């Protein structure tokens, strides 16, 4: 039996095969069957072109996503660096309402601690201050510090 006869028999058959990529079953007679030693049929060329176009489109989408991720990373890095610099000068800004001598800059994990009243020799309260701008959010560590303070889980130790 030659190749053409085998193809004709398969096109009439009720046999099924499994795709090696997605593992779905399909009826062999529904596939584009041809002898690979001859010219590809128009159907096969169309299917090949469609797959190549799909790959090209996916490549372009991936490139755009990669470029966008790179730009976002650059913007985020710049924002973080600017934010860290501004945190240090925040207490010197005109709109800063706390007493500068009461403030202590930490930077990480909390930006400032103010000992409210220490400049007048009597601390009334202590404030933990985290500076955020734009859409910035507390980190997990900062949130856990905030939760500990709000739950009054504070300890004073003298060594």
N, C-alpha and C. Protein backbone atom coordinates (compact mmCIF):
# COMPACT_ATOMS: atom_id res chain seq x y z
N UNK A 1 0.86 -1.17 0.00
CA UNK A 1 0.00 0.00 0.00
C UNK A 1 0.91 1.23 0.00
N UNK A 2 0.67 2.17 -0.88
CA UNK A 2 1.51 3.37 -0.93
C UNK A 2 0.91 4.47 -0.05
N UNK A 3 1.64 5.56 0.08
CA UNK A 3 1.27 6.65 0.99
C UNK A 3 -0.10 7.23 0.66
N UNK A 4 -0.38 7.43 -0.63
CA UNK A 4 -1.67 8.01 -1.04
C UNK A 4 -2.84 7.12 -0.61
N UNK A 5 -2.65 5.82 -0.74
CA UNK A 5 -3.72 4.88 -0.34
C UNK A 5 -3.92 4.91 1.18
N UNK A 6 -2.83 4.99 1.91
CA UNK A 6 -2.93 5.06 3.38
C UNK A 6 -3.68 6.32 3.79
N UNK A 7 -3.38 7.43 3.15
CA UNK A 7 -4.07 8.70 3.47
C UNK A 7 -5.55 8.59 3.17
N UNK A 8 -5.90 7.98 2.01
CA UNK A 8 -7.32 7.82 1.65
C UNK A 8 -8.06 6.96 2.68
N UNK A 9 -7.38 5.88 3.14
CA UNK A 9 -7.99 5.01 4.14
C UNK A 9 -8.19 5.75 5.47
N UNK A 10 -7.21 6.52 5.86
CA UNK A 10 -7.32 7.30 7.11
C UNK A 10 -8.42 8.34 7.01
N UNK A 11 -8.58 8.96 5.84
CA UNK A 11 -9.64 9.97 5.66
C UNK A 11 -11.03 9.36 5.75
N UNK A 12 -11.15 8.07 5.46
CA UNK A 12 -12.44 7.38 5.55
C UNK A 12 -12.65 6.73 6.92
N UNK A 13 -11.58 6.66 7.69
CA UNK A 13 -11.63 5.89 8.94
C UNK A 13 -12.38 6.62 10.05
N UNK A 14 -12.60 5.87 11.11
CA UNK A 14 -13.22 6.42 12.31
C UNK A 14 -12.21 6.40 13.46
N UNK A 15 -10.92 6.53 13.10
CA UNK A 15 -9.84 6.48 14.09
C UNK A 15 -9.64 7.85 14.75
N UNK A 16 -9.16 7.80 15.99
CA UNK A 16 -8.87 9.02 16.73
C UNK A 16 -7.40 9.04 17.10
N UNK A 17 -6.87 10.24 17.27
CA UNK A 17 -5.48 10.42 17.69
C UNK A 17 -5.47 11.44 18.83
N UNK A 18 -4.33 11.52 19.50
CA UNK A 18 -4.19 12.48 20.60
C UNK A 18 -3.10 13.47 20.24
N UNK A 19 -3.39 14.77 20.44
CA UNK A 19 -2.41 15.82 20.17
C UNK A 19 -1.28 15.71 21.20
N UNK A 20 -0.05 15.73 20.71
CA UNK A 20 1.09 15.59 21.62
C UNK A 20 1.34 16.87 22.41
N UNK A 21 0.75 17.98 22.01
CA UNK A 21 0.94 19.25 22.72
C UNK A 21 -0.12 19.48 23.80
N UNK A 22 -1.40 19.35 23.40
CA UNK A 22 -2.47 19.68 24.35
C UNK A 22 -3.22 18.44 24.85
N UNK A 23 -2.88 17.27 24.31
CA UNK A 23 -3.44 15.99 24.75
C UNK A 23 -4.95 15.86 24.53
N UNK A 24 -5.50 16.63 23.59
CA UNK A 24 -6.91 16.47 23.26
C UNK A 24 -7.03 15.49 22.10
N UNK A 25 -8.11 14.75 22.11
CA UNK A 25 -8.35 13.78 21.04
C UNK A 25 -9.02 14.46 19.86
N UNK A 26 -8.72 13.98 18.67
CA UNK A 26 -9.37 14.48 17.47
C UNK A 26 -9.52 13.33 16.49
N UNK A 27 -10.51 13.44 15.63
CA UNK A 27 -10.77 12.41 14.63
C UNK A 27 -9.74 12.62 13.51
N UNK A 28 -9.01 11.58 13.17
CA UNK A 28 -7.95 11.69 12.16
C UNK A 28 -8.51 12.19 10.83
N UNK A 29 -9.70 11.75 10.47
CA UNK A 29 -10.29 12.16 9.19
C UNK A 29 -10.62 13.65 9.17
N UNK A 30 -10.68 14.30 10.36
CA UNK A 30 -10.93 15.75 10.42
C UNK A 30 -9.65 16.55 10.22
N UNK A 31 -8.50 15.89 10.30
CA UNK A 31 -7.22 16.58 10.15
C UNK A 31 -6.87 16.79 8.69
N UNK A 32 -5.85 17.59 8.45
CA UNK A 32 -5.34 17.80 7.09
C UNK A 32 -4.28 16.74 6.86
N UNK A 33 -4.61 15.73 6.10
CA UNK A 33 -3.69 14.63 5.84
C UNK A 33 -3.07 14.80 4.46
N UNK A 34 -1.75 14.67 4.38
CA UNK A 34 -1.08 14.81 3.09
C UNK A 34 0.27 14.11 3.12
N UNK A 35 0.80 13.87 1.96
CA UNK A 35 2.11 13.24 1.79
C UNK A 35 3.16 14.35 1.88
N UNK A 36 4.01 14.28 2.89
CA UNK A 36 5.01 15.33 3.10
C UNK A 36 6.11 15.38 2.07
N UNK A 37 6.15 14.41 1.19
CA UNK A 37 7.21 14.43 0.16
C UNK A 37 6.78 15.24 -1.05
N UNK A 38 5.50 15.62 -1.08
CA UNK A 38 4.99 16.42 -2.21
C UNK A 38 4.67 17.83 -1.73
N UNK A 39 4.18 18.66 -2.63
CA UNK A 39 3.80 20.03 -2.26
C UNK A 39 2.73 20.00 -1.18
N UNK A 40 2.83 20.94 -0.26
CA UNK A 40 1.82 21.03 0.79
C UNK A 40 0.51 21.48 0.15
N UNK A 41 -0.61 20.90 0.57
CA UNK A 41 -1.91 21.38 0.08
C UNK A 41 -2.19 22.79 0.62
N UNK A 42 -3.04 23.51 -0.08
CA UNK A 42 -3.36 24.90 0.29
C UNK A 42 -3.86 24.98 1.73
N UNK A 43 -4.65 24.00 2.16
CA UNK A 43 -5.18 23.97 3.53
C UNK A 43 -4.03 23.95 4.55
N UNK A 44 -3.02 23.12 4.27
CA UNK A 44 -1.89 23.00 5.19
C UNK A 44 -1.07 24.30 5.20
N UNK A 45 -0.90 24.89 4.04
CA UNK A 45 -0.16 26.16 3.96
C UNK A 45 -0.92 27.26 4.71
N UNK A 46 -2.24 27.28 4.58
CA UNK A 46 -3.05 28.27 5.30
C UNK A 46 -2.94 28.07 6.81
N UNK A 47 -3.00 26.81 7.24
CA UNK A 47 -2.88 26.51 8.68
C UNK A 47 -1.50 26.91 9.18
N UNK A 48 -0.47 26.62 8.39
CA UNK A 48 0.91 26.99 8.76
C UNK A 48 1.03 28.50 8.88
N UNK A 49 0.48 29.23 7.91
CA UNK A 49 0.54 30.70 7.93
C UNK A 49 -0.18 31.24 9.16
N UNK A 50 -1.34 30.66 9.46
CA UNK A 50 -2.10 31.11 10.62
C UNK A 50 -1.28 30.90 11.91
N UNK A 51 -0.64 29.74 12.04
CA UNK A 51 0.18 29.47 13.22
C UNK A 51 1.38 30.41 13.31
N UNK A 52 2.03 30.66 12.17
CA UNK A 52 3.17 31.58 12.16
C UNK A 52 2.74 32.99 12.53
N UNK A 53 1.58 33.42 12.00
CA UNK A 53 1.06 34.75 12.34
C UNK A 53 0.75 34.86 13.83
N UNK A 54 0.18 33.77 14.38
CA UNK A 54 -0.12 33.75 15.81
C UNK A 54 1.15 33.85 16.65
N UNK A 55 2.20 33.14 16.23
CA UNK A 55 3.48 33.21 16.94
C UNK A 55 4.07 34.61 16.86
N UNK A 56 3.99 35.21 15.68
CA UNK A 56 4.52 36.57 15.50
C UNK A 56 3.78 37.55 16.41
N UNK A 57 2.46 37.41 16.45
CA UNK A 57 1.65 38.29 17.30
C UNK A 57 2.01 38.10 18.77
N UNK A 58 2.17 36.84 19.21
CA UNK A 58 2.53 36.57 20.61
C UNK A 58 3.91 37.13 20.94
N UNK A 59 4.85 37.02 19.98
CA UNK A 59 6.20 37.57 20.19
C UNK A 59 6.12 39.09 20.40
N UNK A 60 5.32 39.75 19.56
CA UNK A 60 5.16 41.21 19.67
C UNK A 60 4.53 41.59 21.01
N UNK A 61 3.51 40.82 21.43
CA UNK A 61 2.87 41.09 22.72
C UNK A 61 3.85 40.90 23.87
N UNK A 62 4.65 39.84 23.81
CA UNK A 62 5.65 39.61 24.85
C UNK A 62 6.68 40.73 24.90
N UNK A 63 7.09 41.21 23.72
CA UNK A 63 8.06 42.31 23.67
C UNK A 63 7.47 43.56 24.31
N UNK A 64 6.19 43.84 23.99
CA UNK A 64 5.53 45.01 24.59
C UNK A 64 5.44 44.87 26.11
N UNK A 65 5.07 43.66 26.58
CA UNK A 65 4.97 43.43 28.02
C UNK A 65 6.33 43.58 28.69
N UNK A 66 7.37 43.07 28.04
CA UNK A 66 8.72 43.18 28.59
C UNK A 66 9.14 44.64 28.67
N UNK A 67 8.89 45.41 27.59
CA UNK A 67 9.23 46.83 27.58
C UNK A 67 8.46 47.58 28.67
N UNK A 68 7.17 47.26 28.81
CA UNK A 68 6.34 47.91 29.82
C UNK A 68 6.84 47.57 31.23
N UNK A 69 7.20 46.31 31.44
CA UNK A 69 7.72 45.89 32.75
C UNK A 69 9.03 46.62 33.07
N UNK A 70 9.87 46.78 32.06
CA UNK A 70 11.14 47.49 32.26
C UNK A 70 10.87 48.95 32.61
N UNK A 71 9.95 49.59 31.90
CA UNK A 71 9.62 51.00 32.19
C UNK A 71 9.03 51.14 33.58
N UNK A 72 8.13 50.20 33.95
CA UNK A 72 7.53 50.25 35.29
C UNK A 72 8.60 50.09 36.37
N UNK A 73 9.54 49.18 36.13
CA UNK A 73 10.62 48.96 37.10
C UNK A 73 11.46 50.23 37.26
N UNK A 74 11.75 50.89 36.14
CA UNK A 74 12.53 52.14 36.20
C UNK A 74 11.78 53.21 36.98
N UNK A 75 10.49 53.36 36.70
CA UNK A 75 9.67 54.36 37.38
C UNK A 75 9.59 54.06 38.87
N UNK A 76 9.37 52.79 39.21
CA UNK A 76 9.28 52.39 40.61
C UNK A 76 10.59 52.67 41.34
N UNK A 77 11.71 52.31 40.70
CA UNK A 77 13.02 52.55 41.32
C UNK A 77 13.24 54.03 41.56
N UNK A 78 12.92 54.85 40.56
CA UNK A 78 13.09 56.30 40.73
C UNK A 78 12.19 56.83 41.84
N UNK A 79 10.94 56.35 41.86
CA UNK A 79 10.00 56.82 42.89
C UNK A 79 10.49 56.45 44.29
N UNK A 80 10.96 55.22 44.44
CA UNK A 80 11.46 54.78 45.75
C UNK A 80 12.65 55.61 46.17
N UNK A 81 13.59 55.82 45.25
CA UNK A 81 14.78 56.61 45.58
C UNK A 81 14.44 58.05 45.93
N UNK A 82 13.54 58.66 45.19
CA UNK A 82 13.11 60.03 45.48
C UNK A 82 12.41 60.06 46.84
N UNK A 83 11.55 59.07 47.07
CA UNK A 83 10.83 58.99 48.35
C UNK A 83 11.78 58.88 49.53
N UNK A 84 12.81 58.05 49.40
CA UNK A 84 13.78 57.89 50.49
C UNK A 84 14.52 59.20 50.76
N UNK A 85 14.81 59.95 49.71
CA UNK A 85 15.48 61.24 49.90
C UNK A 85 14.54 62.24 50.56
N UNK A 86 13.29 62.28 50.12
CA UNK A 86 12.32 63.23 50.68
C UNK A 86 12.00 62.94 52.15
N UNK A 87 12.01 61.66 52.52
CA UNK A 87 11.75 61.30 53.91
C UNK A 87 12.73 61.99 54.86
N UNK A 88 13.97 62.12 54.41
CA UNK A 88 15.01 62.69 55.25
C UNK A 88 14.83 64.19 55.45
N UNK A 89 14.27 64.87 54.45
CA UNK A 89 14.10 66.32 54.58
C UNK A 89 12.68 66.70 55.00
N UNK A 90 11.79 65.73 55.10
CA UNK A 90 10.40 66.00 55.48
C UNK A 90 10.27 66.87 56.73
N UNK A 91 10.99 66.57 57.80
CA UNK A 91 10.81 67.38 59.01
C UNK A 91 11.20 68.86 58.83
N UNK A 92 11.97 69.18 57.82
CA UNK A 92 12.37 70.58 57.60
C UNK A 92 11.40 71.34 56.72
N UNK A 93 10.38 70.67 56.21
CA UNK A 93 9.43 71.33 55.31
C UNK A 93 8.47 72.22 56.11
N UNK A 94 8.04 73.30 55.49
CA UNK A 94 7.20 74.30 56.12
C UNK A 94 5.89 73.72 56.66
N UNK A 95 5.27 72.81 55.94
CA UNK A 95 3.97 72.25 56.35
C UNK A 95 4.10 71.16 57.41
N UNK A 96 5.30 70.81 57.79
CA UNK A 96 5.51 69.77 58.80
C UNK A 96 5.10 70.34 60.15
N UNK A 97 4.07 69.77 60.77
CA UNK A 97 3.45 70.35 61.97
C UNK A 97 4.08 69.91 63.28
N UNK A 98 4.99 68.97 63.26
CA UNK A 98 5.58 68.49 64.50
C UNK A 98 6.84 69.29 64.84
N UNK A 99 7.19 69.27 66.10
CA UNK A 99 8.40 69.97 66.55
C UNK A 99 9.62 69.21 66.05
N UNK A 100 10.46 69.87 65.30
CA UNK A 100 11.64 69.24 64.73
C UNK A 100 12.56 68.62 65.80
N UNK A 101 12.78 69.30 66.93
CA UNK A 101 13.66 68.68 67.95
C UNK A 101 13.08 67.40 68.57
N UNK A 102 11.76 67.18 68.39
CA UNK A 102 11.12 65.98 68.93
C UNK A 102 11.25 64.78 67.98
N UNK A 103 11.68 65.02 66.75
CA UNK A 103 11.69 63.98 65.71
C UNK A 103 13.02 63.25 65.64
N UNK A 104 12.93 61.97 65.39
CA UNK A 104 14.11 61.15 65.16
C UNK A 104 13.88 60.38 63.87
N UNK A 105 14.79 60.55 62.92
CA UNK A 105 14.68 59.86 61.64
C UNK A 105 15.24 58.46 61.75
N UNK A 106 14.45 57.46 61.36
CA UNK A 106 14.91 56.07 61.31
C UNK A 106 15.13 55.65 59.86
N UNK A 107 14.16 55.94 59.01
CA UNK A 107 14.26 55.59 57.61
C UNK A 107 13.72 54.21 57.29
N UNK A 108 14.04 53.23 58.12
CA UNK A 108 13.57 51.89 57.83
C UNK A 108 13.49 51.09 59.12
N UNK A 109 12.45 50.42 59.42
CA UNK A 109 11.26 50.18 58.62
C UNK A 109 10.21 51.30 58.73
N UNK A 110 10.37 52.17 59.73
CA UNK A 110 9.47 53.32 59.90
C UNK A 110 10.30 54.57 59.68
N UNK A 111 9.70 55.58 59.04
CA UNK A 111 10.47 56.78 58.68
C UNK A 111 10.88 57.62 59.89
N UNK A 112 9.92 57.94 60.75
CA UNK A 112 10.19 58.83 61.87
C UNK A 112 9.55 58.33 63.15
N UNK A 113 10.19 58.65 64.24
CA UNK A 113 9.56 58.51 65.55
C UNK A 113 9.63 59.89 66.18
N UNK A 114 8.49 60.35 66.68
CA UNK A 114 8.52 61.64 67.37
C UNK A 114 8.21 61.39 68.84
N UNK A 115 9.04 61.98 69.67
CA UNK A 115 8.84 61.95 71.11
C UNK A 115 8.20 63.29 71.45
N UNK A 116 6.90 63.36 71.30
CA UNK A 116 6.16 64.61 71.41
C UNK A 116 6.34 65.22 72.79
N UNK A 117 7.02 66.38 72.83
CA UNK A 117 7.25 67.11 74.06
C UNK A 117 8.66 66.95 74.61
N UNK A 118 9.49 66.09 74.04
CA UNK A 118 10.84 65.87 74.59
C UNK A 118 11.67 67.15 74.56
N UNK A 119 11.40 68.03 73.60
CA UNK A 119 12.15 69.29 73.53
C UNK A 119 11.78 70.22 74.70
N UNK A 120 10.68 69.92 75.37
CA UNK A 120 10.25 70.70 76.55
C UNK A 120 10.41 69.86 77.82
N UNK A 121 11.19 68.78 77.72
CA UNK A 121 11.54 67.92 78.85
C UNK A 121 10.38 67.10 79.41
N UNK A 122 9.31 66.91 78.62
CA UNK A 122 8.20 66.05 79.07
C UNK A 122 7.55 65.42 77.84
N UNK A 123 7.72 64.11 77.70
CA UNK A 123 7.13 63.40 76.56
C UNK A 123 5.67 63.08 76.89
N UNK A 124 4.77 63.62 76.08
CA UNK A 124 3.32 63.40 76.25
C UNK A 124 2.89 62.12 75.52
N UNK A 125 3.53 61.89 74.36
CA UNK A 125 3.18 60.73 73.55
C UNK A 125 4.33 60.44 72.58
N UNK A 126 4.25 59.31 71.99
CA UNK A 126 5.24 58.91 70.99
C UNK A 126 4.48 58.58 69.72
N UNK A 127 4.94 59.14 68.60
CA UNK A 127 4.29 58.88 67.30
C UNK A 127 5.24 58.14 66.38
N UNK A 128 4.72 57.12 65.75
CA UNK A 128 5.45 56.40 64.71
C UNK A 128 4.92 56.91 63.39
N UNK A 129 5.78 57.44 62.55
CA UNK A 129 5.33 58.10 61.33
C UNK A 129 5.95 57.42 60.11
N UNK A 130 5.10 57.02 59.20
CA UNK A 130 5.54 56.45 57.92
C UNK A 130 5.05 57.39 56.83
N UNK A 131 5.93 57.83 55.98
CA UNK A 131 5.58 58.77 54.91
C UNK A 131 5.31 57.99 53.63
N UNK A 132 4.15 58.24 53.03
CA UNK A 132 3.79 57.60 51.76
C UNK A 132 3.23 58.66 50.83
N UNK A 133 3.42 58.47 49.55
CA UNK A 133 2.84 59.39 48.58
C UNK A 133 2.29 58.59 47.41
N UNK A 134 1.43 59.23 46.64
CA UNK A 134 0.85 58.55 45.48
C UNK A 134 0.08 57.33 45.92
N UNK A 135 0.30 56.23 45.23
CA UNK A 135 -0.41 54.99 45.53
C UNK A 135 0.40 54.05 46.40
N UNK A 136 1.47 54.55 47.04
CA UNK A 136 2.33 53.68 47.86
C UNK A 136 1.55 53.11 49.03
N UNK A 137 1.87 51.88 49.40
CA UNK A 137 1.19 51.20 50.50
C UNK A 137 2.21 50.72 51.51
N UNK A 138 1.73 50.42 52.68
CA UNK A 138 2.61 49.88 53.71
C UNK A 138 3.13 48.51 53.30
N UNK A 139 4.39 48.22 53.61
CA UNK A 139 4.93 46.89 53.38
C UNK A 139 4.36 45.96 54.44
N UNK A 140 4.58 44.67 54.30
CA UNK A 140 4.10 43.70 55.30
C UNK A 140 4.70 44.01 56.66
N UNK A 141 6.00 44.35 56.66
CA UNK A 141 6.67 44.66 57.92
C UNK A 141 6.08 45.91 58.56
N UNK A 142 5.85 46.95 57.75
CA UNK A 142 5.28 48.19 58.27
C UNK A 142 3.87 47.95 58.81
N UNK A 143 3.10 47.12 58.10
CA UNK A 143 1.75 46.80 58.57
C UNK A 143 1.81 46.05 59.90
N UNK A 144 2.78 45.13 60.04
CA UNK A 144 2.87 44.39 61.31
C UNK A 144 3.27 45.32 62.45
N UNK A 145 4.11 46.32 62.17
CA UNK A 145 4.48 47.32 63.19
C UNK A 145 3.24 48.13 63.58
N UNK A 146 2.51 48.58 62.58
CA UNK A 146 1.27 49.34 62.82
C UNK A 146 0.30 48.52 63.67
N UNK A 147 0.13 47.24 63.33
CA UNK A 147 -0.77 46.36 64.09
C UNK A 147 -0.30 46.19 65.54
N UNK A 148 1.00 46.01 65.73
CA UNK A 148 1.54 45.85 67.09
C UNK A 148 1.28 47.10 67.92
N UNK A 149 1.46 48.27 67.33
CA UNK A 149 1.22 49.54 68.05
C UNK A 149 -0.26 49.68 68.38
N UNK A 150 -1.13 49.41 67.38
CA UNK A 150 -2.57 49.54 67.60
C UNK A 150 -3.09 48.52 68.61
N UNK A 151 -2.41 47.38 68.74
CA UNK A 151 -2.80 46.36 69.72
C UNK A 151 -2.09 46.57 71.07
N UNK A 152 -1.42 47.70 71.22
CA UNK A 152 -0.70 48.06 72.45
C UNK A 152 0.36 47.02 72.83
N UNK A 153 0.98 46.42 71.84
CA UNK A 153 2.04 45.44 72.10
C UNK A 153 3.38 46.17 72.10
N UNK A 154 3.56 47.00 73.10
CA UNK A 154 4.76 47.81 73.24
C UNK A 154 5.47 47.43 74.53
N UNK A 155 6.77 47.42 74.47
CA UNK A 155 7.56 47.08 75.67
C UNK A 155 8.65 48.12 75.81
N UNK A 156 8.88 48.53 77.06
CA UNK A 156 9.98 49.44 77.38
C UNK A 156 10.99 48.68 78.19
N UNK A 157 12.25 48.68 77.74
CA UNK A 157 13.29 47.94 78.44
C UNK A 157 14.45 48.85 78.76
N UNK A 158 15.07 48.61 79.87
CA UNK A 158 16.31 49.30 80.25
C UNK A 158 17.38 48.22 80.35
N UNK A 159 18.47 48.40 79.66
CA UNK A 159 19.59 47.45 79.77
C UNK A 159 20.68 48.06 80.60
